Amino acid sequence: MAVARRHHTVPHFYLKGFATEANQIGVVQLPGVRRFVQATSDATIQKDFYAIPGHADGPDAFEKGLSELEGDAAAIFRKITNDGIWPLKPADREVLATFLTVQFLRGPDQRRHMEQTIS
């Protein structure tokens, strides 16, 4: 089985929520000078960002876990937006809370903050 090396720092399903019918979004390369249109499949990609070299389940074990959580969260977002379900059942609330917490902690800015704290 292939190892996932292209890791989204923002979930792909979330990006698609802002995309055109051609699955493209407007991108601003920070600090805000360069602007362009990009496919959601290529946006917010960092190679091996979540890789864990030497992990027993493979270096992409964390990415696989994120993918599973994102799939569960995407289904809950569809319940809310497409089916108008609210309030959520406790199990769905737990998944959504976990997803939101991971979103807060998973990006490059948070990683830089943790690295600065460690050093």
N, C-alpha and C. Protein backbone atom coordinates (compact mmCIF):
# COMPACT_ATOMS: atom_id res chain seq x y z
N MET A 1 0.83 -1.18 0.00
CA MET A 1 0.00 0.00 0.00
C MET A 1 0.88 1.25 0.00
N ALA A 2 0.51 2.25 -0.78
CA ALA A 2 1.28 3.48 -0.90
C ALA A 2 1.21 4.30 0.39
N VAL A 3 2.29 4.98 0.66
CA VAL A 3 2.35 5.86 1.83
C VAL A 3 1.90 7.25 1.41
N ALA A 4 0.94 7.82 2.15
CA ALA A 4 0.46 9.17 1.88
C ALA A 4 1.55 10.16 2.25
N ARG A 5 1.95 10.99 1.30
CA ARG A 5 3.01 11.97 1.56
C ARG A 5 2.53 13.40 1.38
N ARG A 6 1.41 13.59 0.68
CA ARG A 6 0.84 14.93 0.46
C ARG A 6 -0.21 15.17 1.54
N HIS A 7 0.14 15.95 2.53
CA HIS A 7 -0.73 16.14 3.69
C HIS A 7 -1.37 17.52 3.64
N HIS A 8 -2.71 17.56 3.70
CA HIS A 8 -3.43 18.83 3.79
C HIS A 8 -3.34 19.35 5.22
N THR A 9 -3.00 20.62 5.37
CA THR A 9 -3.03 21.22 6.72
C THR A 9 -4.41 21.79 7.02
N VAL A 10 -5.25 21.91 5.99
CA VAL A 10 -6.68 22.22 6.13
C VAL A 10 -7.40 21.09 5.42
N PRO A 11 -8.39 20.47 6.05
CA PRO A 11 -9.04 19.31 5.44
C PRO A 11 -9.58 19.60 4.03
N HIS A 12 -9.40 18.65 3.15
CA HIS A 12 -9.85 18.78 1.77
C HIS A 12 -11.35 19.02 1.70
N PHE A 13 -12.14 18.30 2.49
CA PHE A 13 -13.59 18.48 2.45
C PHE A 13 -13.97 19.91 2.83
N TYR A 14 -13.22 20.50 3.73
CA TYR A 14 -13.50 21.87 4.17
C TYR A 14 -13.19 22.86 3.06
N LEU A 15 -12.07 22.67 2.38
CA LEU A 15 -11.70 23.53 1.26
C LEU A 15 -12.75 23.46 0.16
N LYS A 16 -13.28 22.26 -0.10
CA LYS A 16 -14.27 22.09 -1.15
C LYS A 16 -15.55 22.88 -0.86
N GLY A 17 -15.81 23.16 0.40
CA GLY A 17 -16.97 23.95 0.77
C GLY A 17 -16.89 25.40 0.30
N PHE A 18 -15.69 25.86 -0.05
CA PHE A 18 -15.49 27.23 -0.52
C PHE A 18 -15.14 27.27 -2.00
N ALA A 19 -15.14 26.13 -2.66
CA ALA A 19 -14.65 26.02 -4.03
C ALA A 19 -15.72 26.26 -5.09
N THR A 20 -15.25 26.50 -6.29
CA THR A 20 -16.12 26.60 -7.45
C THR A 20 -16.57 25.19 -7.84
N GLU A 21 -17.43 25.11 -8.85
CA GLU A 21 -17.85 23.80 -9.34
C GLU A 21 -16.68 22.99 -9.89
N ALA A 22 -15.62 23.67 -10.29
CA ALA A 22 -14.41 22.99 -10.79
C ALA A 22 -13.45 22.65 -9.66
N ASN A 23 -13.93 22.74 -8.40
CA ASN A 23 -13.11 22.45 -7.22
C ASN A 23 -11.84 23.29 -7.17
N GLN A 24 -11.99 24.59 -7.41
CA GLN A 24 -10.87 25.51 -7.31
C GLN A 24 -11.21 26.61 -6.31
N ILE A 25 -10.17 27.10 -5.64
CA ILE A 25 -10.35 28.19 -4.68
C ILE A 25 -9.32 29.28 -4.97
N GLY A 26 -9.65 30.48 -4.53
CA GLY A 26 -8.69 31.58 -4.60
C GLY A 26 -7.71 31.45 -3.46
N VAL A 27 -6.44 31.64 -3.77
CA VAL A 27 -5.38 31.48 -2.78
C VAL A 27 -4.58 32.78 -2.70
N VAL A 28 -4.24 33.16 -1.50
CA VAL A 28 -3.36 34.30 -1.28
C VAL A 28 -2.13 33.76 -0.57
N GLN A 29 -0.99 33.89 -1.22
CA GLN A 29 0.25 33.43 -0.60
C GLN A 29 0.73 34.50 0.37
N LEU A 30 0.77 34.17 1.63
CA LEU A 30 1.15 35.14 2.65
C LEU A 30 2.58 35.59 2.47
N PRO A 31 2.87 36.83 2.68
CA PRO A 31 2.15 37.84 3.42
C PRO A 31 1.08 38.58 2.63
N GLY A 32 0.61 38.05 1.53
CA GLY A 32 -0.52 38.63 0.84
C GLY A 32 -0.23 39.28 -0.49
N VAL A 33 0.92 39.01 -1.06
CA VAL A 33 1.29 39.65 -2.32
C VAL A 33 0.81 38.83 -3.52
N ARG A 34 1.10 37.56 -3.53
CA ARG A 34 0.77 36.71 -4.68
C ARG A 34 -0.61 36.10 -4.50
N ARG A 35 -1.46 36.23 -5.54
CA ARG A 35 -2.81 35.66 -5.54
C ARG A 35 -2.98 34.80 -6.78
N PHE A 36 -3.66 33.65 -6.62
CA PHE A 36 -3.88 32.75 -7.75
C PHE A 36 -5.01 31.80 -7.43
N VAL A 37 -5.46 31.07 -8.45
CA VAL A 37 -6.50 30.06 -8.30
C VAL A 37 -5.82 28.70 -8.28
N GLN A 38 -6.31 27.82 -7.40
CA GLN A 38 -5.67 26.52 -7.24
C GLN A 38 -6.73 25.45 -6.98
N ALA A 39 -6.47 24.25 -7.44
CA ALA A 39 -7.36 23.12 -7.17
C ALA A 39 -7.34 22.82 -5.68
N THR A 40 -8.49 22.45 -5.13
CA THR A 40 -8.55 22.12 -3.69
C THR A 40 -7.65 20.94 -3.36
N SER A 41 -7.44 20.05 -4.32
CA SER A 41 -6.57 18.89 -4.07
C SER A 41 -5.11 19.29 -3.89
N ASP A 42 -4.74 20.50 -4.34
CA ASP A 42 -3.35 20.97 -4.22
C ASP A 42 -3.18 22.06 -3.17
N ALA A 43 -4.27 22.61 -2.67
CA ALA A 43 -4.18 23.71 -1.71
C ALA A 43 -3.84 23.18 -0.32
N THR A 44 -3.11 23.94 0.41
CA THR A 44 -2.69 23.67 1.80
C THR A 44 -1.94 22.35 1.94
N ILE A 45 -1.23 21.94 0.90
CA ILE A 45 -0.46 20.69 0.93
C ILE A 45 0.96 20.97 1.42
N GLN A 46 1.42 20.13 2.34
CA GLN A 46 2.82 20.13 2.75
C GLN A 46 3.28 18.67 2.75
N LYS A 47 4.34 18.43 2.04
CA LYS A 47 4.85 17.06 1.92
C LYS A 47 5.35 16.56 3.28
N ASP A 48 4.82 15.41 3.68
CA ASP A 48 5.22 14.71 4.91
C ASP A 48 5.03 15.54 6.18
N PHE A 49 4.09 16.49 6.18
CA PHE A 49 3.91 17.37 7.32
C PHE A 49 3.59 16.60 8.60
N TYR A 50 2.78 15.56 8.50
CA TYR A 50 2.39 14.77 9.67
C TYR A 50 3.15 13.45 9.77
N ALA A 51 4.19 13.28 8.99
CA ALA A 51 4.93 12.01 8.95
C ALA A 51 5.56 11.70 10.31
N ILE A 52 5.52 10.42 10.66
CA ILE A 52 6.16 9.93 11.88
C ILE A 52 7.12 8.82 11.46
N PRO A 53 8.35 9.18 11.10
CA PRO A 53 9.31 8.16 10.65
C PRO A 53 9.49 7.05 11.70
N GLY A 54 9.48 5.82 11.22
CA GLY A 54 9.70 4.69 12.11
C GLY A 54 8.47 4.20 12.86
N HIS A 55 7.31 4.81 12.65
CA HIS A 55 6.09 4.37 13.33
C HIS A 55 5.74 2.95 12.88
N ALA A 56 5.29 2.14 13.81
CA ALA A 56 4.97 0.74 13.52
C ALA A 56 3.90 0.58 12.44
N ASP A 57 2.97 1.52 12.35
CA ASP A 57 1.91 1.45 11.34
C ASP A 57 2.25 2.24 10.08
N GLY A 58 3.49 2.67 9.95
CA GLY A 58 3.93 3.42 8.78
C GLY A 58 4.06 4.89 9.10
N PRO A 59 4.88 5.60 8.32
CA PRO A 59 5.10 7.01 8.59
C PRO A 59 3.87 7.89 8.41
N ASP A 60 2.85 7.37 7.72
CA ASP A 60 1.63 8.15 7.50
C ASP A 60 0.50 7.76 8.46
N ALA A 61 0.84 7.15 9.58
CA ALA A 61 -0.17 6.70 10.53
C ALA A 61 -1.01 7.86 11.06
N PHE A 62 -0.38 8.98 11.37
CA PHE A 62 -1.12 10.14 11.87
C PHE A 62 -2.02 10.71 10.78
N GLU A 63 -1.52 10.78 9.56
CA GLU A 63 -2.32 11.28 8.44
C GLU A 63 -3.54 10.39 8.22
N LYS A 64 -3.37 9.08 8.35
CA LYS A 64 -4.52 8.16 8.21
C LYS A 64 -5.55 8.40 9.31
N GLY A 65 -5.09 8.64 10.53
CA GLY A 65 -6.01 8.94 11.63
C GLY A 65 -6.76 10.25 11.39
N LEU A 66 -6.04 11.26 10.90
CA LEU A 66 -6.70 12.53 10.56
C LEU A 66 -7.75 12.33 9.47
N SER A 67 -7.41 11.52 8.49
CA SER A 67 -8.34 11.26 7.39
C SER A 67 -9.63 10.63 7.89
N GLU A 68 -9.50 9.70 8.81
CA GLU A 68 -10.69 9.06 9.38
C GLU A 68 -11.54 10.06 10.16
N LEU A 69 -10.89 10.88 10.99
CA LEU A 69 -11.60 11.90 11.75
C LEU A 69 -12.28 12.90 10.81
N GLU A 70 -11.58 13.31 9.76
CA GLU A 70 -12.14 14.26 8.80
C GLU A 70 -13.36 13.67 8.09
N GLY A 71 -13.31 12.39 7.76
CA GLY A 71 -14.46 11.74 7.14
C GLY A 71 -15.67 11.75 8.05
N ASP A 72 -15.44 11.45 9.32
CA ASP A 72 -16.53 11.47 10.30
C ASP A 72 -17.09 12.89 10.47
N ALA A 73 -16.19 13.88 10.53
CA ALA A 73 -16.62 15.27 10.70
C ALA A 73 -17.37 15.76 9.46
N ALA A 74 -16.91 15.38 8.28
CA ALA A 74 -17.59 15.79 7.05
C ALA A 74 -19.02 15.29 7.04
N ALA A 75 -19.23 14.06 7.50
CA ALA A 75 -20.58 13.51 7.55
C ALA A 75 -21.46 14.31 8.50
N ILE A 76 -20.89 14.77 9.61
CA ILE A 76 -21.65 15.56 10.57
C ILE A 76 -21.97 16.94 10.00
N PHE A 77 -21.01 17.56 9.31
CA PHE A 77 -21.28 18.84 8.68
C PHE A 77 -22.40 18.71 7.65
N ARG A 78 -22.43 17.60 6.91
CA ARG A 78 -23.52 17.38 5.95
C ARG A 78 -24.86 17.24 6.66
N LYS A 79 -24.88 16.58 7.82
CA LYS A 79 -26.12 16.47 8.59
C LYS A 79 -26.63 17.86 8.96
N ILE A 80 -25.72 18.73 9.36
CA ILE A 80 -26.11 20.07 9.78
C ILE A 80 -26.55 20.91 8.59
N THR A 81 -25.72 20.96 7.56
CA THR A 81 -25.98 21.88 6.45
C THR A 81 -27.02 21.35 5.46
N ASN A 82 -26.99 20.08 5.16
CA ASN A 82 -27.91 19.52 4.15
C ASN A 82 -29.22 19.05 4.74
N ASP A 83 -29.15 18.46 5.94
CA ASP A 83 -30.35 17.86 6.54
C ASP A 83 -30.97 18.73 7.63
N GLY A 84 -30.29 19.80 8.02
CA GLY A 84 -30.83 20.70 9.03
C GLY A 84 -30.92 20.08 10.41
N ILE A 85 -30.08 19.11 10.68
CA ILE A 85 -30.12 18.44 11.99
C ILE A 85 -29.37 19.29 13.01
N TRP A 86 -30.11 19.70 14.02
CA TRP A 86 -29.55 20.46 15.15
C TRP A 86 -30.59 20.48 16.25
N PRO A 87 -30.26 20.21 17.45
CA PRO A 87 -28.93 19.92 17.97
C PRO A 87 -28.49 18.50 17.57
N LEU A 88 -27.20 18.29 17.69
CA LEU A 88 -26.62 17.00 17.35
C LEU A 88 -26.77 16.01 18.50
N LYS A 89 -26.74 14.73 18.14
CA LYS A 89 -26.71 13.68 19.15
C LYS A 89 -25.36 13.75 19.87
N PRO A 90 -25.31 13.26 21.12
CA PRO A 90 -24.06 13.34 21.88
C PRO A 90 -22.84 12.73 21.17
N ALA A 91 -23.00 11.62 20.49
CA ALA A 91 -21.86 11.01 19.80
C ALA A 91 -21.35 11.91 18.68
N ASP A 92 -22.25 12.55 17.94
CA ASP A 92 -21.85 13.47 16.88
C ASP A 92 -21.21 14.73 17.46
N ARG A 93 -21.73 15.20 18.60
CA ARG A 93 -21.13 16.36 19.26
C ARG A 93 -19.70 16.07 19.69
N GLU A 94 -19.47 14.85 20.15
CA GLU A 94 -18.11 14.47 20.57
C GLU A 94 -17.15 14.46 19.39
N VAL A 95 -17.59 13.88 18.27
CA VAL A 95 -16.75 13.86 17.06
C VAL A 95 -16.48 15.28 16.59
N LEU A 96 -17.50 16.11 16.55
CA LEU A 96 -17.33 17.49 16.11
C LEU A 96 -16.38 18.25 17.03
N ALA A 97 -16.50 18.07 18.33
CA ALA A 97 -15.61 18.74 19.29
C ALA A 97 -14.17 18.27 19.11
N THR A 98 -13.99 16.98 18.89
CA THR A 98 -12.64 16.44 18.65
C THR A 98 -12.06 17.04 17.38
N PHE A 99 -12.87 17.07 16.32
CA PHE A 99 -12.41 17.63 15.05
C PHE A 99 -12.00 19.09 15.22
N LEU A 100 -12.81 19.89 15.89
CA LEU A 100 -12.51 21.31 16.07
C LEU A 100 -11.24 21.50 16.90
N THR A 101 -11.05 20.67 17.89
CA THR A 101 -9.83 20.75 18.70
C THR A 101 -8.61 20.43 17.87
N VAL A 102 -8.69 19.36 17.08
CA VAL A 102 -7.58 18.98 16.21
C VAL A 102 -7.30 20.08 15.20
N GLN A 103 -8.36 20.70 14.66
CA GLN A 103 -8.16 21.80 13.71
C GLN A 103 -7.36 22.93 14.34
N PHE A 104 -7.67 23.24 15.57
CA PHE A 104 -6.96 24.31 16.27
C PHE A 104 -5.48 23.98 16.45
N LEU A 105 -5.17 22.71 16.63
CA LEU A 105 -3.81 22.29 16.99
C LEU A 105 -2.95 21.81 15.82
N ARG A 106 -3.51 21.63 14.64
CA ARG A 106 -2.81 20.87 13.62
C ARG A 106 -1.97 21.65 12.62
N GLY A 107 -2.11 22.92 12.49
CA GLY A 107 -1.50 23.66 11.40
C GLY A 107 -0.05 24.07 11.62
N PRO A 108 0.53 24.67 10.58
CA PRO A 108 1.92 25.10 10.65
C PRO A 108 2.19 26.14 11.74
N ASP A 109 1.24 27.06 11.96
CA ASP A 109 1.45 28.08 12.99
C ASP A 109 1.56 27.46 14.37
N GLN A 110 0.69 26.51 14.66
CA GLN A 110 0.73 25.83 15.95
C GLN A 110 2.03 25.04 16.11
N ARG A 111 2.47 24.41 15.02
CA ARG A 111 3.73 23.66 15.07
C ARG A 111 4.89 24.60 15.38
N ARG A 112 4.94 25.76 14.71
CA ARG A 112 6.01 26.73 14.99
C ARG A 112 5.95 27.18 16.45
N HIS A 113 4.76 27.41 16.94
CA HIS A 113 4.60 27.82 18.35
C HIS A 113 5.14 26.75 19.28
N MET A 114 4.79 25.49 19.03
CA MET A 114 5.30 24.41 19.88
C MET A 114 6.82 24.29 19.79
N GLU A 115 7.38 24.43 18.57
CA GLU A 115 8.82 24.36 18.41
C GLU A 115 9.52 25.49 19.16
N GLN A 116 8.94 26.68 19.12
CA GLN A 116 9.52 27.82 19.85
C GLN A 116 9.47 27.58 21.35
N THR A 117 8.36 27.03 21.82
CA THR A 117 8.22 26.74 23.24
C THR A 117 9.24 25.71 23.69
N ILE A 118 9.43 24.68 22.89
CA ILE A 118 10.39 23.62 23.22
C ILE A 118 11.82 24.16 23.25
N SER A 119 12.14 25.03 22.27
CA SER A 119 13.52 25.53 22.21
C SER A 119 13.76 26.58 23.29
